[in-house]
Amino acid sequence: MDAFVSVYVDMGARADDVRAAVDALPLPSGVVEAKVYGEAVTDTFGCRMAVDLTGTFDEKVDGLTIARGYAAELSAVLGVPAFAFYDLLRRDYPAS
């Protein structure tokens, strides 16, 4: 398993709900494991939980598509936003 992408879940979601959703969702093609990290004390762009998707997919070619698709499915199940980590890094936030 050389490839991985991360999906971050809005802090409005409960860790148990995220774990249950990840257990229920089918893994995308080429992904062999989805692991939830939900022990963060601080947030990353409004998210406290991450789901790492690891597998044999071509990270450069398919990684972003896999992460965005999984984020959309996870968001639909949880009712809160979920994001491909790449998209969080690319967001432009106005200075406050």
N, C-alpha and C. Protein backbone atom coordinates (compact mmCIF):
# COMPACT_ATOMS: atom_id res chain seq x y z
N MET A 1 0.84 -1.17 0.00
CA MET A 1 0.00 0.00 0.00
C MET A 1 0.89 1.24 0.00
N ASP A 2 1.06 1.79 -1.15
CA ASP A 2 1.93 2.94 -1.27
C ASP A 2 1.19 4.26 -1.37
N ALA A 3 -0.08 4.24 -1.68
CA ALA A 3 -0.82 5.47 -1.93
C ALA A 3 -1.77 5.77 -0.78
N PHE A 4 -1.95 7.07 -0.51
CA PHE A 4 -2.98 7.45 0.45
C PHE A 4 -3.47 8.86 0.16
N VAL A 5 -4.71 9.10 0.52
CA VAL A 5 -5.30 10.43 0.49
C VAL A 5 -6.10 10.58 1.77
N SER A 6 -6.35 11.81 2.15
CA SER A 6 -7.09 12.07 3.38
C SER A 6 -8.36 12.85 3.10
N VAL A 7 -9.38 12.51 3.86
CA VAL A 7 -10.64 13.23 3.84
C VAL A 7 -10.86 13.76 5.25
N TYR A 8 -11.15 15.04 5.37
CA TYR A 8 -11.38 15.66 6.68
C TYR A 8 -12.86 15.94 6.85
N VAL A 9 -13.35 15.72 8.08
CA VAL A 9 -14.77 15.84 8.38
C VAL A 9 -14.99 17.02 9.32
N ASP A 10 -16.01 17.82 9.02
CA ASP A 10 -16.37 18.98 9.81
C ASP A 10 -16.50 18.61 11.29
N MET A 11 -16.10 19.55 12.15
CA MET A 11 -16.10 19.26 13.59
C MET A 11 -17.50 19.07 14.16
N GLY A 12 -18.53 19.32 13.37
CA GLY A 12 -19.89 19.08 13.83
C GLY A 12 -20.26 17.60 13.91
N ALA A 13 -19.45 16.75 13.32
CA ALA A 13 -19.72 15.31 13.34
C ALA A 13 -19.16 14.67 14.61
N ARG A 14 -19.85 13.67 15.10
CA ARG A 14 -19.37 12.92 16.26
C ARG A 14 -18.47 11.79 15.78
N ALA A 15 -17.44 11.50 16.54
CA ALA A 15 -16.47 10.46 16.16
C ALA A 15 -17.14 9.11 15.93
N ASP A 16 -18.08 8.73 16.80
CA ASP A 16 -18.76 7.44 16.63
C ASP A 16 -19.55 7.40 15.32
N ASP A 17 -20.16 8.53 14.96
CA ASP A 17 -20.92 8.58 13.72
C ASP A 17 -20.01 8.46 12.50
N VAL A 18 -18.84 9.10 12.58
CA VAL A 18 -17.88 9.01 11.47
C VAL A 18 -17.39 7.58 11.32
N ARG A 19 -17.05 6.95 12.43
CA ARG A 19 -16.58 5.56 12.36
C ARG A 19 -17.66 4.63 11.79
N ALA A 20 -18.90 4.83 12.20
CA ALA A 20 -20.00 4.00 11.69
C ALA A 20 -20.20 4.23 10.19
N ALA A 21 -20.12 5.48 9.76
CA ALA A 21 -20.28 5.79 8.34
C ALA A 21 -19.16 5.18 7.52
N VAL A 22 -17.94 5.27 8.01
CA VAL A 22 -16.79 4.69 7.30
C VAL A 22 -16.94 3.18 7.21
N ASP A 23 -17.41 2.55 8.27
CA ASP A 23 -17.63 1.10 8.25
C ASP A 23 -18.71 0.71 7.24
N ALA A 24 -19.71 1.58 7.06
CA ALA A 24 -20.84 1.26 6.18
C ALA A 24 -20.56 1.56 4.71
N LEU A 25 -19.72 2.55 4.43
CA LEU A 25 -19.47 2.93 3.04
C LEU A 25 -18.56 1.92 2.35
N PRO A 26 -18.82 1.65 1.08
CA PRO A 26 -17.90 0.78 0.33
C PRO A 26 -16.60 1.53 0.06
N LEU A 27 -15.50 0.80 0.04
CA LEU A 27 -14.22 1.41 -0.29
C LEU A 27 -14.14 1.69 -1.79
N PRO A 28 -13.60 2.84 -2.15
CA PRO A 28 -13.42 3.13 -3.58
C PRO A 28 -12.46 2.12 -4.22
N SER A 29 -12.55 1.99 -5.51
CA SER A 29 -11.67 1.09 -6.25
C SER A 29 -10.21 1.44 -5.99
N GLY A 30 -9.41 0.45 -5.66
CA GLY A 30 -8.00 0.65 -5.38
C GLY A 30 -7.68 0.97 -3.94
N VAL A 31 -8.70 1.25 -3.13
CA VAL A 31 -8.50 1.54 -1.71
C VAL A 31 -8.72 0.24 -0.94
N VAL A 32 -7.76 -0.07 -0.06
CA VAL A 32 -7.87 -1.31 0.71
C VAL A 32 -8.14 -1.07 2.20
N GLU A 33 -7.98 0.18 2.64
CA GLU A 33 -8.22 0.48 4.06
C GLU A 33 -8.66 1.93 4.22
N ALA A 34 -9.63 2.13 5.11
CA ALA A 34 -10.05 3.47 5.52
C ALA A 34 -9.91 3.54 7.03
N LYS A 35 -9.06 4.43 7.51
CA LYS A 35 -8.78 4.52 8.94
C LYS A 35 -9.18 5.90 9.44
N VAL A 36 -9.95 5.93 10.52
CA VAL A 36 -10.44 7.18 11.10
C VAL A 36 -9.50 7.63 12.21
N TYR A 37 -9.14 8.91 12.15
CA TYR A 37 -8.36 9.55 13.20
C TYR A 37 -9.24 10.63 13.81
N GLY A 38 -9.62 10.46 15.07
CA GLY A 38 -10.55 11.40 15.67
C GLY A 38 -10.19 11.85 17.06
N GLU A 39 -8.93 11.82 17.39
CA GLU A 39 -8.51 12.16 18.75
C GLU A 39 -7.91 13.57 18.86
N ALA A 40 -8.03 14.37 17.81
CA ALA A 40 -7.40 15.70 17.81
C ALA A 40 -8.06 16.62 18.83
N VAL A 41 -7.24 17.37 19.53
CA VAL A 41 -7.74 18.35 20.49
C VAL A 41 -8.02 19.67 19.77
N THR A 42 -7.22 19.98 18.77
CA THR A 42 -7.41 21.20 17.99
C THR A 42 -8.00 20.84 16.64
N ASP A 43 -8.39 21.88 15.90
CA ASP A 43 -8.99 21.60 14.59
C ASP A 43 -8.03 21.97 13.46
N THR A 44 -8.27 21.38 12.32
CA THR A 44 -7.56 21.70 11.08
C THR A 44 -8.62 22.21 10.11
N PHE A 45 -8.62 23.51 9.86
CA PHE A 45 -9.61 24.11 8.96
C PHE A 45 -11.04 23.76 9.35
N GLY A 46 -11.33 23.75 10.65
CA GLY A 46 -12.68 23.46 11.11
C GLY A 46 -13.02 21.99 11.19
N CYS A 47 -12.01 21.14 11.05
CA CYS A 47 -12.22 19.68 11.09
C CYS A 47 -11.38 19.07 12.20
N ARG A 48 -11.95 18.11 12.91
CA ARG A 48 -11.20 17.42 13.96
C ARG A 48 -10.99 15.95 13.68
N MET A 49 -11.57 15.45 12.61
CA MET A 49 -11.42 14.04 12.27
C MET A 49 -10.97 13.90 10.84
N ALA A 50 -10.13 12.91 10.64
CA ALA A 50 -9.65 12.62 9.29
C ALA A 50 -9.87 11.15 9.00
N VAL A 51 -10.08 10.86 7.73
CA VAL A 51 -10.17 9.48 7.27
C VAL A 51 -9.07 9.31 6.23
N ASP A 52 -8.10 8.46 6.54
CA ASP A 52 -7.03 8.17 5.59
C ASP A 52 -7.43 6.96 4.76
N LEU A 53 -7.39 7.14 3.46
CA LEU A 53 -7.68 6.06 2.51
C LEU A 53 -6.37 5.60 1.92
N THR A 54 -6.01 4.36 2.17
CA THR A 54 -4.75 3.83 1.65
C THR A 54 -5.02 2.67 0.71
N GLY A 55 -4.10 2.49 -0.23
CA GLY A 55 -4.29 1.41 -1.17
C GLY A 55 -3.27 1.37 -2.28
N THR A 56 -3.68 0.77 -3.37
CA THR A 56 -2.79 0.53 -4.50
C THR A 56 -3.10 1.43 -5.69
N PHE A 57 -3.97 2.41 -5.51
CA PHE A 57 -4.34 3.31 -6.60
C PHE A 57 -3.17 4.24 -6.96
N ASP A 58 -3.24 4.84 -8.12
CA ASP A 58 -2.23 5.80 -8.55
C ASP A 58 -2.57 7.14 -7.91
N GLU A 59 -1.83 7.49 -6.88
CA GLU A 59 -2.14 8.68 -6.08
C GLU A 59 -2.17 9.95 -6.93
N LYS A 60 -1.22 10.10 -7.82
CA LYS A 60 -1.15 11.32 -8.63
C LYS A 60 -2.28 11.41 -9.65
N VAL A 61 -2.68 10.28 -10.19
CA VAL A 61 -3.72 10.26 -11.23
C VAL A 61 -5.12 10.21 -10.62
N ASP A 62 -5.32 9.35 -9.64
CA ASP A 62 -6.66 9.08 -9.12
C ASP A 62 -6.92 9.58 -7.70
N GLY A 63 -5.89 10.01 -7.00
CA GLY A 63 -6.03 10.36 -5.59
C GLY A 63 -7.06 11.43 -5.30
N LEU A 64 -7.01 12.53 -6.03
CA LEU A 64 -7.94 13.63 -5.77
C LEU A 64 -9.38 13.22 -6.08
N THR A 65 -9.57 12.50 -7.16
CA THR A 65 -10.91 12.03 -7.52
C THR A 65 -11.45 11.09 -6.46
N ILE A 66 -10.61 10.19 -5.96
CA ILE A 66 -11.02 9.27 -4.91
C ILE A 66 -11.39 10.04 -3.64
N ALA A 67 -10.54 10.98 -3.24
CA ALA A 67 -10.80 11.74 -2.01
C ALA A 67 -12.07 12.57 -2.12
N ARG A 68 -12.25 13.24 -3.25
CA ARG A 68 -13.45 14.07 -3.42
C ARG A 68 -14.72 13.22 -3.45
N GLY A 69 -14.66 12.09 -4.13
CA GLY A 69 -15.83 11.21 -4.19
C GLY A 69 -16.18 10.65 -2.83
N TYR A 70 -15.16 10.21 -2.09
CA TYR A 70 -15.41 9.66 -0.77
C TYR A 70 -15.92 10.74 0.18
N ALA A 71 -15.37 11.95 0.07
CA ALA A 71 -15.84 13.07 0.89
C ALA A 71 -17.31 13.35 0.63
N ALA A 72 -17.72 13.32 -0.62
CA ALA A 72 -19.12 13.57 -0.97
C ALA A 72 -20.03 12.49 -0.38
N GLU A 73 -19.61 11.24 -0.48
CA GLU A 73 -20.40 10.14 0.08
C GLU A 73 -20.48 10.24 1.61
N LEU A 74 -19.36 10.53 2.23
CA LEU A 74 -19.32 10.65 3.69
C LEU A 74 -20.19 11.82 4.16
N SER A 75 -20.11 12.93 3.46
CA SER A 75 -20.92 14.10 3.79
C SER A 75 -22.41 13.79 3.68
N ALA A 76 -22.80 13.05 2.64
CA ALA A 76 -24.21 12.69 2.46
C ALA A 76 -24.71 11.82 3.60
N VAL A 77 -23.89 10.91 4.07
CA VAL A 77 -24.29 10.01 5.16
C VAL A 77 -24.35 10.76 6.49
N LEU A 78 -23.36 11.62 6.74
CA LEU A 78 -23.25 12.30 8.03
C LEU A 78 -24.10 13.56 8.14
N GLY A 79 -24.39 14.19 7.02
CA GLY A 79 -25.13 15.45 7.06
C GLY A 79 -24.29 16.64 7.46
N VAL A 80 -22.98 16.50 7.40
CA VAL A 80 -22.05 17.61 7.65
C VAL A 80 -21.01 17.60 6.53
N PRO A 81 -20.35 18.73 6.31
CA PRO A 81 -19.35 18.76 5.23
C PRO A 81 -18.16 17.85 5.50
N ALA A 82 -17.65 17.28 4.43
CA ALA A 82 -16.39 16.53 4.44
C ALA A 82 -15.61 16.97 3.21
N PHE A 83 -14.30 17.02 3.33
CA PHE A 83 -13.47 17.61 2.29
C PHE A 83 -12.25 16.75 1.99
N ALA A 84 -11.86 16.70 0.74
CA ALA A 84 -10.54 16.17 0.41
C ALA A 84 -9.53 17.13 1.03
N PHE A 85 -8.51 16.61 1.70
CA PHE A 85 -7.54 17.47 2.37
C PHE A 85 -6.90 18.45 1.39
N TYR A 86 -6.64 18.01 0.18
CA TYR A 86 -6.07 18.88 -0.85
C TYR A 86 -6.93 20.12 -1.04
N ASP A 87 -8.24 19.95 -1.06
CA ASP A 87 -9.14 21.09 -1.25
C ASP A 87 -9.09 22.05 -0.08
N LEU A 88 -8.93 21.55 1.13
CA LEU A 88 -8.79 22.43 2.29
C LEU A 88 -7.53 23.27 2.19
N LEU A 89 -6.46 22.68 1.72
CA LEU A 89 -5.20 23.41 1.58
C LEU A 89 -5.27 24.47 0.51
N ARG A 90 -6.09 24.27 -0.50
CA ARG A 90 -6.18 25.19 -1.63
C ARG A 90 -7.20 26.30 -1.44
N ARG A 91 -7.97 26.27 -0.36
CA ARG A 91 -8.99 27.29 -0.13
C ARG A 91 -8.34 28.63 0.17
N ASP A 92 -8.97 29.67 -0.29
CA ASP A 92 -8.53 31.03 0.03
C ASP A 92 -9.45 31.59 1.09
N TYR A 93 -8.92 31.82 2.28
CA TYR A 93 -9.71 32.38 3.36
C TYR A 93 -9.38 33.86 3.49
N PRO A 94 -10.39 34.72 3.59
CA PRO A 94 -10.10 36.14 3.78
C PRO A 94 -9.48 36.36 5.16
N ALA A 95 -8.55 37.28 5.21
CA ALA A 95 -7.92 37.60 6.51
C ALA A 95 -8.97 38.21 7.42
N SER A 96 -8.92 37.84 8.68
CA SER A 96 -9.89 38.41 9.62
C SER A 96 -9.19 39.02 10.80
